Amino acid sequence: MSSVQQAFEAAVTASRQLPAKPDNMTLLKIYALYKQATEGDAQGPRPGFGDLVGRAKHDAWAALAGQGRDDAMRAYVALIESLQ
């Protein structure tokens, strides 16, 4: 396991124990970076207007299209560290 992968897994665990709940925009960024790091580019249809949360999540993830897995992991780790 690479050091980037280890740091990412530690950050995922740390994200569940943050001292305060992040604002919604930060939560979307955390979600999008996690999905990009674990699954790659967003796939599937964009949710409709009736699913505002799903649509926001999909849009945040799709905005990271083309970002490499390791880059997404590093960004995720940096974001979580900044919130601790």
N, C-alpha and C. Protein backbone atom coordinates (compact mmCIF):
# COMPACT_ATOMS: atom_id res chain seq x y z
N MET A 1 0.85 -1.18 0.00
CA MET A 1 0.00 0.00 0.00
C MET A 1 0.90 1.25 0.00
N SER A 2 0.59 2.18 -0.86
CA SER A 2 1.40 3.39 -0.97
C SER A 2 1.16 4.33 0.21
N SER A 3 2.09 5.24 0.38
CA SER A 3 1.94 6.21 1.48
C SER A 3 0.75 7.13 1.23
N VAL A 4 0.45 7.43 -0.03
CA VAL A 4 -0.71 8.26 -0.36
C VAL A 4 -1.99 7.53 0.05
N GLN A 5 -2.06 6.24 -0.25
CA GLN A 5 -3.23 5.43 0.10
C GLN A 5 -3.39 5.36 1.62
N GLN A 6 -2.28 5.18 2.33
CA GLN A 6 -2.34 5.12 3.80
C GLN A 6 -2.81 6.44 4.39
N ALA A 7 -2.29 7.54 3.88
CA ALA A 7 -2.69 8.86 4.37
C ALA A 7 -4.17 9.10 4.07
N PHE A 8 -4.62 8.65 2.90
CA PHE A 8 -6.03 8.80 2.51
C PHE A 8 -6.92 8.02 3.47
N GLU A 9 -6.58 6.78 3.74
CA GLU A 9 -7.39 5.96 4.64
C GLU A 9 -7.42 6.55 6.05
N ALA A 10 -6.30 7.10 6.50
CA ALA A 10 -6.27 7.76 7.81
C ALA A 10 -7.16 9.00 7.80
N ALA A 11 -7.16 9.74 6.70
CA ALA A 11 -8.00 10.94 6.60
C ALA A 11 -9.48 10.57 6.56
N VAL A 12 -9.82 9.46 5.91
CA VAL A 12 -11.21 9.01 5.89
C VAL A 12 -11.68 8.73 7.31
N THR A 13 -10.85 8.05 8.08
CA THR A 13 -11.18 7.79 9.48
C THR A 13 -11.29 9.09 10.27
N ALA A 14 -10.35 9.99 10.06
CA ALA A 14 -10.35 11.28 10.77
C ALA A 14 -11.56 12.13 10.39
N SER A 15 -12.05 11.97 9.17
CA SER A 15 -13.19 12.79 8.73
C SER A 15 -14.45 12.49 9.54
N ARG A 16 -14.51 11.33 10.13
CA ARG A 16 -15.68 10.95 10.94
C ARG A 16 -15.59 11.51 12.35
N GLN A 17 -14.44 12.10 12.68
CA GLN A 17 -14.22 12.60 14.04
C GLN A 17 -13.81 14.07 14.05
N LEU A 18 -14.28 14.82 13.10
CA LEU A 18 -13.94 16.24 13.04
C LEU A 18 -14.55 16.97 14.24
N PRO A 19 -13.88 17.99 14.74
CA PRO A 19 -14.39 18.71 15.91
C PRO A 19 -15.71 19.43 15.66
N ALA A 20 -15.96 19.85 14.44
CA ALA A 20 -17.21 20.55 14.10
C ALA A 20 -17.66 20.08 12.72
N LYS A 21 -18.97 20.07 12.52
CA LYS A 21 -19.49 19.68 11.21
C LYS A 21 -19.19 20.78 10.20
N PRO A 22 -18.55 20.41 9.07
CA PRO A 22 -18.25 21.41 8.04
C PRO A 22 -19.53 21.96 7.39
N ASP A 23 -19.41 23.13 6.76
CA ASP A 23 -20.55 23.70 6.04
C ASP A 23 -20.87 22.84 4.82
N ASN A 24 -22.01 23.08 4.22
CA ASN A 24 -22.47 22.24 3.10
C ASN A 24 -21.53 22.24 1.91
N MET A 25 -20.94 23.37 1.58
CA MET A 25 -20.02 23.42 0.43
C MET A 25 -18.77 22.58 0.70
N THR A 26 -18.29 22.61 1.92
CA THR A 26 -17.13 21.80 2.29
C THR A 26 -17.50 20.33 2.28
N LEU A 27 -18.69 20.00 2.76
CA LEU A 27 -19.14 18.61 2.72
C LEU A 27 -19.22 18.10 1.28
N LEU A 28 -19.69 18.94 0.37
CA LEU A 28 -19.74 18.55 -1.04
C LEU A 28 -18.34 18.31 -1.59
N LYS A 29 -17.39 19.14 -1.20
CA LYS A 29 -16.02 18.97 -1.67
C LYS A 29 -15.42 17.68 -1.12
N ILE A 30 -15.68 17.39 0.16
CA ILE A 30 -15.21 16.14 0.77
C ILE A 30 -15.79 14.95 0.00
N TYR A 31 -17.09 14.99 -0.25
CA TYR A 31 -17.77 13.92 -0.98
C TYR A 31 -17.16 13.73 -2.36
N ALA A 32 -17.01 14.83 -3.09
CA ALA A 32 -16.52 14.76 -4.46
C ALA A 32 -15.10 14.21 -4.52
N LEU A 33 -14.23 14.68 -3.64
CA LEU A 33 -12.85 14.18 -3.62
C LEU A 33 -12.80 12.70 -3.26
N TYR A 34 -13.63 12.29 -2.31
CA TYR A 34 -13.68 10.88 -1.93
C TYR A 34 -14.11 10.01 -3.12
N LYS A 35 -15.18 10.42 -3.78
CA LYS A 35 -15.68 9.66 -4.93
C LYS A 35 -14.65 9.62 -6.06
N GLN A 36 -13.99 10.74 -6.32
CA GLN A 36 -12.99 10.80 -7.39
C GLN A 36 -11.81 9.89 -7.04
N ALA A 37 -11.42 9.88 -5.77
CA ALA A 37 -10.30 9.05 -5.33
C ALA A 37 -10.63 7.56 -5.36
N THR A 38 -11.86 7.22 -5.09
CA THR A 38 -12.21 5.80 -4.99
C THR A 38 -12.84 5.22 -6.25
N GLU A 39 -13.52 6.05 -7.05
CA GLU A 39 -14.24 5.54 -8.21
C GLU A 39 -13.84 6.17 -9.54
N GLY A 40 -13.09 7.26 -9.51
CA GLY A 40 -12.73 7.94 -10.75
C GLY A 40 -13.80 8.93 -11.15
N ASP A 41 -13.83 9.26 -12.44
CA ASP A 41 -14.77 10.26 -12.94
C ASP A 41 -16.22 9.85 -12.70
N ALA A 42 -17.07 10.86 -12.51
CA ALA A 42 -18.50 10.66 -12.26
C ALA A 42 -19.11 9.91 -13.45
N GLN A 43 -19.99 8.98 -13.12
CA GLN A 43 -20.67 8.20 -14.14
C GLN A 43 -22.17 8.22 -13.87
N GLY A 44 -22.91 7.83 -14.86
CA GLY A 44 -24.35 7.76 -14.70
C GLY A 44 -25.01 9.09 -15.00
N PRO A 45 -26.31 9.05 -15.12
CA PRO A 45 -27.05 10.27 -15.45
C PRO A 45 -27.08 11.25 -14.28
N ARG A 46 -27.17 12.52 -14.60
CA ARG A 46 -27.29 13.57 -13.58
C ARG A 46 -28.70 13.50 -13.00
N PRO A 47 -28.82 13.47 -11.67
CA PRO A 47 -30.15 13.44 -11.06
C PRO A 47 -31.00 14.64 -11.50
N GLY A 48 -32.31 14.45 -11.49
CA GLY A 48 -33.23 15.49 -11.92
C GLY A 48 -33.43 16.57 -10.88
N PHE A 49 -34.26 17.54 -11.23
CA PHE A 49 -34.52 18.69 -10.36
C PHE A 49 -35.17 18.29 -9.04
N GLY A 50 -35.85 17.16 -9.00
CA GLY A 50 -36.51 16.72 -7.78
C GLY A 50 -35.54 16.24 -6.72
N ASP A 51 -34.31 15.92 -7.11
CA ASP A 51 -33.30 15.43 -6.19
C ASP A 51 -32.18 16.46 -6.09
N LEU A 52 -32.43 17.51 -5.34
CA LEU A 52 -31.47 18.60 -5.24
C LEU A 52 -30.14 18.17 -4.63
N VAL A 53 -30.19 17.35 -3.59
CA VAL A 53 -28.97 16.91 -2.93
C VAL A 53 -28.16 16.01 -3.87
N GLY A 54 -28.83 15.05 -4.49
CA GLY A 54 -28.15 14.16 -5.43
C GLY A 54 -27.55 14.92 -6.60
N ARG A 55 -28.26 15.91 -7.06
CA ARG A 55 -27.79 16.73 -8.17
C ARG A 55 -26.54 17.53 -7.77
N ALA A 56 -26.55 18.10 -6.57
CA ALA A 56 -25.40 18.87 -6.08
C ALA A 56 -24.18 17.96 -5.91
N LYS A 57 -24.41 16.76 -5.38
CA LYS A 57 -23.31 15.80 -5.21
C LYS A 57 -22.73 15.40 -6.56
N HIS A 58 -23.60 15.09 -7.51
CA HIS A 58 -23.15 14.68 -8.84
C HIS A 58 -22.36 15.81 -9.50
N ASP A 59 -22.86 17.03 -9.42
CA ASP A 59 -22.19 18.17 -10.03
C ASP A 59 -20.81 18.42 -9.41
N ALA A 60 -20.72 18.30 -8.08
CA ALA A 60 -19.44 18.50 -7.40
C ALA A 60 -18.43 17.44 -7.83
N TRP A 61 -18.89 16.20 -7.95
CA TRP A 61 -18.03 15.10 -8.37
C TRP A 61 -17.63 15.27 -9.83
N ALA A 62 -18.59 15.59 -10.69
CA ALA A 62 -18.32 15.75 -12.12
C ALA A 62 -17.34 16.89 -12.39
N ALA A 63 -17.31 17.88 -11.51
CA ALA A 63 -16.39 19.01 -11.68
C ALA A 63 -14.93 18.57 -11.54
N LEU A 64 -14.70 17.41 -10.97
CA LEU A 64 -13.34 16.90 -10.78
C LEU A 64 -12.91 15.96 -11.90
N ALA A 65 -13.69 15.85 -12.94
CA ALA A 65 -13.41 14.93 -14.05
C ALA A 65 -11.98 15.14 -14.56
N GLY A 66 -11.28 14.04 -14.73
CA GLY A 66 -9.92 14.09 -15.24
C GLY A 66 -8.85 14.16 -14.17
N GLN A 67 -9.25 14.45 -12.93
CA GLN A 67 -8.27 14.51 -11.85
C GLN A 67 -7.86 13.08 -11.51
N GLY A 68 -6.57 12.85 -11.39
CA GLY A 68 -6.06 11.52 -11.08
C GLY A 68 -6.40 11.07 -9.68
N ARG A 69 -6.36 9.76 -9.50
CA ARG A 69 -6.70 9.17 -8.20
C ARG A 69 -5.79 9.69 -7.09
N ASP A 70 -4.48 9.66 -7.33
CA ASP A 70 -3.54 10.11 -6.29
C ASP A 70 -3.71 11.60 -5.99
N ASP A 71 -3.96 12.40 -7.01
CA ASP A 71 -4.19 13.83 -6.79
C ASP A 71 -5.44 14.06 -5.95
N ALA A 72 -6.50 13.30 -6.23
CA ALA A 72 -7.73 13.42 -5.45
C ALA A 72 -7.49 12.99 -4.01
N MET A 73 -6.72 11.94 -3.82
CA MET A 73 -6.41 11.49 -2.46
C MET A 73 -5.63 12.55 -1.70
N ARG A 74 -4.63 13.14 -2.36
CA ARG A 74 -3.83 14.18 -1.70
C ARG A 74 -4.70 15.39 -1.34
N ALA A 75 -5.58 15.78 -2.24
CA ALA A 75 -6.46 16.91 -1.97
C ALA A 75 -7.41 16.60 -0.83
N TYR A 76 -7.92 15.37 -0.78
CA TYR A 76 -8.81 14.94 0.30
C TYR A 76 -8.08 15.03 1.64
N VAL A 77 -6.87 14.48 1.68
CA VAL A 77 -6.08 14.49 2.92
C VAL A 77 -5.83 15.94 3.37
N ALA A 78 -5.45 16.80 2.44
CA ALA A 78 -5.17 18.20 2.79
C ALA A 78 -6.42 18.89 3.31
N LEU A 79 -7.56 18.62 2.71
CA LEU A 79 -8.81 19.24 3.15
C LEU A 79 -9.18 18.78 4.56
N ILE A 80 -9.09 17.49 4.81
CA ILE A 80 -9.44 16.97 6.14
C ILE A 80 -8.47 17.52 7.18
N GLU A 81 -7.18 17.57 6.85
CA GLU A 81 -6.21 18.13 7.80
C GLU A 81 -6.50 19.58 8.12
N SER A 82 -6.97 20.33 7.13
CA SER A 82 -7.28 21.74 7.37
C SER A 82 -8.50 21.93 8.27
N LEU A 83 -9.33 20.91 8.37
CA LEU A 83 -10.54 20.98 9.19
C LEU A 83 -10.34 20.50 10.62
N GLN A 84 -9.19 19.90 10.88
CA GLN A 84 -8.95 19.36 12.23
C GLN A 84 -8.44 20.42 13.18
